């Protein structure tokens, strides 16, 4: 039962962090002192803002998952972020299935940062941790 409770807690934390990252991104884009015309001409500005916004949230989520899941942390991190992404995009799918694929294509960086980036960050964190048990 403790594993299930950890998974539920992980999903709730992932939903909160994903929602907070989307909120931070929308606020940053809204108040960015770069004219909107530059975004069309220089998409690197938009990608830089995405990286600066989403990566810190993904790292926080990876640190949380590496502490929360002691065994099977990578699979658990992937599962929790997958459920969180489903929760985020289900309202779009319910409103109009025709809009789902364009929304997923536009938000590919957002989705990949959390679905792929969080488990990769968990792998890196686990590789950097020293072994807790040493042969005596």
C-alpha atoms as a PDB file:
ATOM      1  CA  UNK A   1       0.000   0.000   0.000  1.00  0.00           C
ATOM      2  CA  UNK A   2       2.901   2.361   0.622  1.00  0.00           C
ATOM      3  CA  UNK A   3       3.963   2.081  -3.016  1.00  0.00           C
ATOM      4  CA  UNK A   4       0.493   3.075  -4.190  1.00  0.00           C
ATOM      5  CA  UNK A   5       0.435   6.018  -1.781  1.00  0.00           C
ATOM      6  CA  UNK A   6       3.836   7.154  -3.061  1.00  0.00           C
ATOM      7  CA  UNK A   7       2.612   6.920  -6.644  1.00  0.00           C
ATOM      8  CA  UNK A   8      -0.487   8.965  -5.844  1.00  0.00           C
ATOM      9  CA  UNK A   9       1.643  11.555  -4.057  1.00  0.00           C
ATOM     10  CA  UNK A  10       4.038  11.593  -7.007  1.00  0.00           C
ATOM     11  CA  UNK A  11       1.194  12.128  -9.469  1.00  0.00           C
ATOM     12  CA  UNK A  12      -0.247  14.967  -7.379  1.00  0.00           C
ATOM     13  CA  UNK A  13       3.168  16.616  -7.108  1.00  0.00           C
ATOM     14  CA  UNK A  14       3.747  16.190 -10.846  1.00  0.00           C
ATOM     15  CA  UNK A  15       0.380  17.768 -11.657  1.00  0.00           C
ATOM     16  CA  UNK A  16       1.161  20.722  -9.377  1.00  0.00           C
ATOM     17  CA  UNK A  17       4.664  21.252 -10.779  1.00  0.00           C
ATOM     18  CA  UNK A  18       3.510  20.916 -14.390  1.00  0.00           C
ATOM     19  CA  UNK A  19       0.694  23.379 -13.740  1.00  0.00           C
ATOM     20  CA  UNK A  20       3.084  25.795 -12.027  1.00  0.00           C
ATOM     21  CA  UNK A  21       5.529  25.583 -14.924  1.00  0.00           C
ATOM     22  CA  UNK A  22       2.767  26.339 -17.431  1.00  0.00           C
ATOM     23  CA  UNK A  23       1.661  29.275 -15.286  1.00  0.00           C
ATOM     24  CA  UNK A  24       5.214  30.593 -15.004  1.00  0.00           C
ATOM     25  CA  UNK A  25       5.694  30.240 -18.758  1.00  0.00           C
ATOM     26  CA  UNK A  26       2.491  32.081 -19.557  1.00  0.00           C
ATOM     27  CA  UNK A  27       3.360  34.896 -17.143  1.00  0.00           C
ATOM     28  CA  UNK A  28       6.893  35.157 -18.501  1.00  0.00           C
ATOM     29  CA  UNK A  29       5.683  35.263 -22.106  1.00  0.00           C
ATOM     30  CA  UNK A  30       3.051  37.856 -21.250  1.00  0.00           C
ATOM     31  CA  UNK A  31       5.484  40.188 -19.495  1.00  0.00           C
ATOM     32  CA  UNK A  32       8.583  39.558 -21.612  1.00  0.00           C
ATOM     33  CA  UNK A  33      10.009  42.845 -22.923  1.00  0.00           C
ATOM     34  CA  UNK A  34      10.541  41.325 -26.383  1.00  0.00           C
ATOM     35  CA  UNK A  35       8.157  42.434 -29.148  1.00  0.00           C
ATOM     36  CA  UNK A  36       5.945  39.639 -30.458  1.00  0.00           C
ATOM     37  CA  UNK A  37       7.185  40.243 -34.008  1.00  0.00           C
ATOM     38  CA  UNK A  38      10.632  39.041 -32.977  1.00  0.00           C
ATOM     39  CA  UNK A  39       9.253  35.655 -31.996  1.00  0.00           C
ATOM     40  CA  UNK A  40       8.261  34.981 -35.590  1.00  0.00           C
ATOM     41  CA  UNK A  41      11.612  36.125 -36.955  1.00  0.00           C
ATOM     42  CA  UNK A  42      13.737  34.610 -34.170  1.00  0.00           C
ATOM     43  CA  UNK A  43      12.246  31.391 -32.774  1.00  0.00           C
ATOM     44  CA  UNK A  44      15.390  30.938 -30.673  1.00  0.00           C
ATOM     45  CA  UNK A  45      13.996  33.566 -28.291  1.00  0.00           C
ATOM     46  CA  UNK A  46      10.914  31.457 -27.699  1.00  0.00           C
ATOM     47  CA  UNK A  47      12.960  28.269 -27.245  1.00  0.00           C
ATOM     48  CA  UNK A  48      15.259  30.036 -24.778  1.00  0.00           C
ATOM     49  CA  UNK A  49      12.267  31.174 -22.741  1.00  0.00           C
ATOM     50  CA  UNK A  50      10.905  27.600 -22.782  1.00  0.00           C
ATOM     51  CA  UNK A  51      14.221  26.187 -21.595  1.00  0.00           C
ATOM     52  CA  UNK A  52      14.600  28.818 -18.886  1.00  0.00           C
ATOM     53  CA  UNK A  53      11.082  28.129 -17.666  1.00  0.00           C
ATOM     54  CA  UNK A  54      10.538  24.378 -17.974  1.00  0.00           C
ATOM     55  CA  UNK A  55      13.954  22.906 -17.136  1.00  0.00           C
ATOM     56  CA  UNK A  56      14.131  24.184 -13.524  1.00  0.00           C
ATOM     57  CA  UNK A  57      10.673  22.758 -12.830  1.00  0.00           C
ATOM     58  CA  UNK A  58      11.689  19.437 -14.380  1.00  0.00           C
ATOM     59  CA  UNK A  59      14.814  19.329 -12.214  1.00  0.00           C
ATOM     60  CA  UNK A  60      12.774  20.060  -9.083  1.00  0.00           C
ATOM     61  CA  UNK A  61      10.413  17.244 -10.032  1.00  0.00           C
ATOM     62  CA  UNK A  62      13.336  14.882 -10.647  1.00  0.00           C
ATOM     63  CA  UNK A  63      14.836  15.691  -7.235  1.00  0.00           C
ATOM     64  CA  UNK A  64      11.458  15.108  -5.622  1.00  0.00           C
ATOM     65  CA  UNK A  65      11.004  11.774  -7.411  1.00  0.00           C
ATOM     66  CA  UNK A  66      14.522  10.580  -6.594  1.00  0.00           C
ATOM     67  CA  UNK A  67      13.769  11.167  -2.908  1.00  0.00           C
ATOM     68  CA  UNK A  68      10.214   9.829  -3.027  1.00  0.00           C
ATOM     69  CA  UNK A  69      10.882   6.615  -4.950  1.00  0.00           C
ATOM     70  CA  UNK A  70      13.799   4.657  -3.594  1.00  0.00           C
ATOM     71  CA  UNK A  71      13.186   1.652  -5.842  1.00  0.00           C
ATOM     72  CA  UNK A  72      12.096   1.875  -9.475  1.00  0.00           C
ATOM     73  CA  UNK A  73      12.520   5.636  -9.412  1.00  0.00           C
ATOM     74  CA  UNK A  74      12.920   6.003 -13.168  1.00  0.00           C
ATOM     75  CA  UNK A  75       9.803   4.034 -14.067  1.00  0.00           C
ATOM     76  CA  UNK A  76       7.833   5.719 -11.296  1.00  0.00           C
ATOM     77  CA  UNK A  77       8.945   9.174 -12.458  1.00  0.00           C
ATOM     78  CA  UNK A  78       7.901   8.372 -16.008  1.00  0.00           C
ATOM     79  CA  UNK A  79       4.542   6.996 -14.866  1.00  0.00           C
ATOM     80  CA  UNK A  80       3.797   9.989 -12.648  1.00  0.00           C
ATOM     81  CA  UNK A  81       4.683  12.528 -15.320  1.00  0.00           C
ATOM     82  CA  UNK A  82       2.716  10.564 -17.922  1.00  0.00           C
ATOM     83  CA  UNK A  83      -0.387  10.681 -15.737  1.00  0.00           C
ATOM     84  CA  UNK A  84       0.205  14.383 -15.058  1.00  0.00           C
ATOM     85  CA  UNK A  85       0.455  15.088 -18.789  1.00  0.00           C
ATOM     86  CA  UNK A  86      -2.729  13.121 -19.370  1.00  0.00           C
ATOM     87  CA  UNK A  87      -4.506  15.183 -16.725  1.00  0.00           C
ATOM     88  CA  UNK A  88      -3.240  18.387 -18.316  1.00  0.00           C
ATOM     89  CA  UNK A  89      -4.305  17.456 -21.861  1.00  0.00           C
ATOM     90  CA  UNK A  90      -7.540  15.514 -21.195  1.00  0.00           C
ATOM     91  CA  UNK A  91      -9.688  18.678 -21.042  1.00  0.00           C
ATOM     92  CA  UNK A  92      -8.489  19.565 -24.554  1.00  0.00           C
ATOM     93  CA  UNK A  93      -9.307  16.080 -25.781  1.00  0.00           C
ATOM     94  CA  UNK A  94     -12.761  16.175 -24.225  1.00  0.00           C
ATOM     95  CA  UNK A  95     -13.606  19.588 -25.692  1.00  0.00           C
ATOM     96  CA  UNK A  96     -12.502  18.700 -29.205  1.00  0.00           C
ATOM     97  CA  UNK A  97     -10.523  15.695 -30.320  1.00  0.00           C
ATOM     98  CA  UNK A  98      -9.636  17.577 -33.510  1.00  0.00           C
ATOM     99  CA  UNK A  99      -7.704  20.121 -31.446  1.00  0.00           C
ATOM    100  CA  UNK A 100      -5.733  17.511 -29.500  1.00  0.00           C
ATOM    101  CA  UNK A 101      -3.072  16.715 -32.113  1.00  0.00           C
ATOM    102  CA  UNK A 102      -2.318  20.355 -32.991  1.00  0.00           C
ATOM    103  CA  UNK A 103      -2.053  21.178 -29.278  1.00  0.00           C
ATOM    104  CA  UNK A 104       0.307  18.238 -28.731  1.00  0.00           C
ATOM    105  CA  UNK A 105       2.457  19.312 -31.688  1.00  0.00           C
ATOM    106  CA  UNK A 106       2.683  22.905 -30.454  1.00  0.00           C
ATOM    107  CA  UNK A 107       3.534  21.768 -26.919  1.00  0.00           C
ATOM    108  CA  UNK A 108       6.078  19.122 -27.932  1.00  0.00           C
ATOM    109  CA  UNK A 109       8.943  20.784 -26.040  1.00  0.00           C
ATOM    110  CA  UNK A 110       6.810  21.059 -22.920  1.00  0.00           C
ATOM    111  CA  UNK A 111       5.790  17.408 -23.114  1.00  0.00           C
ATOM    112  CA  UNK A 112       9.284  16.123 -23.879  1.00  0.00           C
ATOM    113  CA  UNK A 113      10.838  18.178 -21.105  1.00  0.00           C
ATOM    114  CA  UNK A 114       8.653  16.468 -18.541  1.00  0.00           C
ATOM    115  CA  UNK A 115       8.076  13.002 -20.041  1.00  0.00           C
ATOM    116  CA  UNK A 116      11.671  12.399 -21.106  1.00  0.00           C
ATOM    117  CA  UNK A 117      13.645  15.022 -19.196  1.00  0.00           C
ATOM    118  CA  UNK A 118      12.431  14.119 -15.700  1.00  0.00           C
ATOM    119  CA  UNK A 119      13.331  10.390 -15.944  1.00  0.00           C
ATOM    120  CA  UNK A 120      16.709  11.300 -17.481  1.00  0.00           C
ATOM    121  CA  UNK A 121      17.364  13.718 -14.621  1.00  0.00           C
ATOM    122  CA  UNK A 122      16.401  10.977 -12.144  1.00  0.00           C
ATOM    123  CA  UNK A 123      18.926   8.648 -13.836  1.00  0.00           C
ATOM    124  CA  UNK A 124      21.622  11.311 -13.531  1.00  0.00           C
ATOM    125  CA  UNK A 125      20.779  11.923  -9.879  1.00  0.00           C
ATOM    126  CA  UNK A 126      20.904   8.213  -9.081  1.00  0.00           C
ATOM    127  CA  UNK A 127      24.247   7.777 -10.851  1.00  0.00           C
ATOM    128  CA  UNK A 128      25.737  10.668  -8.884  1.00  0.00           C
ATOM    129  CA  UNK A 129      24.684   9.287  -5.508  1.00  0.00           C
ATOM    130  CA  UNK A 130      27.387   7.293  -3.780  1.00  0.00           C
ATOM    131  CA  UNK A 131      26.621   3.712  -2.896  1.00  0.00           C
ATOM    132  CA  UNK A 132      25.073   3.562   0.570  1.00  0.00           C
ATOM    133  CA  UNK A 133      26.237   0.071   1.353  1.00  0.00           C
ATOM    134  CA  UNK A 134      29.867  -0.922   1.050  1.00  0.00           C
ATOM    135  CA  UNK A 135      31.273  -4.414   1.421  1.00  0.00           C
ATOM    136  CA  UNK A 136      32.915  -4.898   4.770  1.00  0.00           C
END
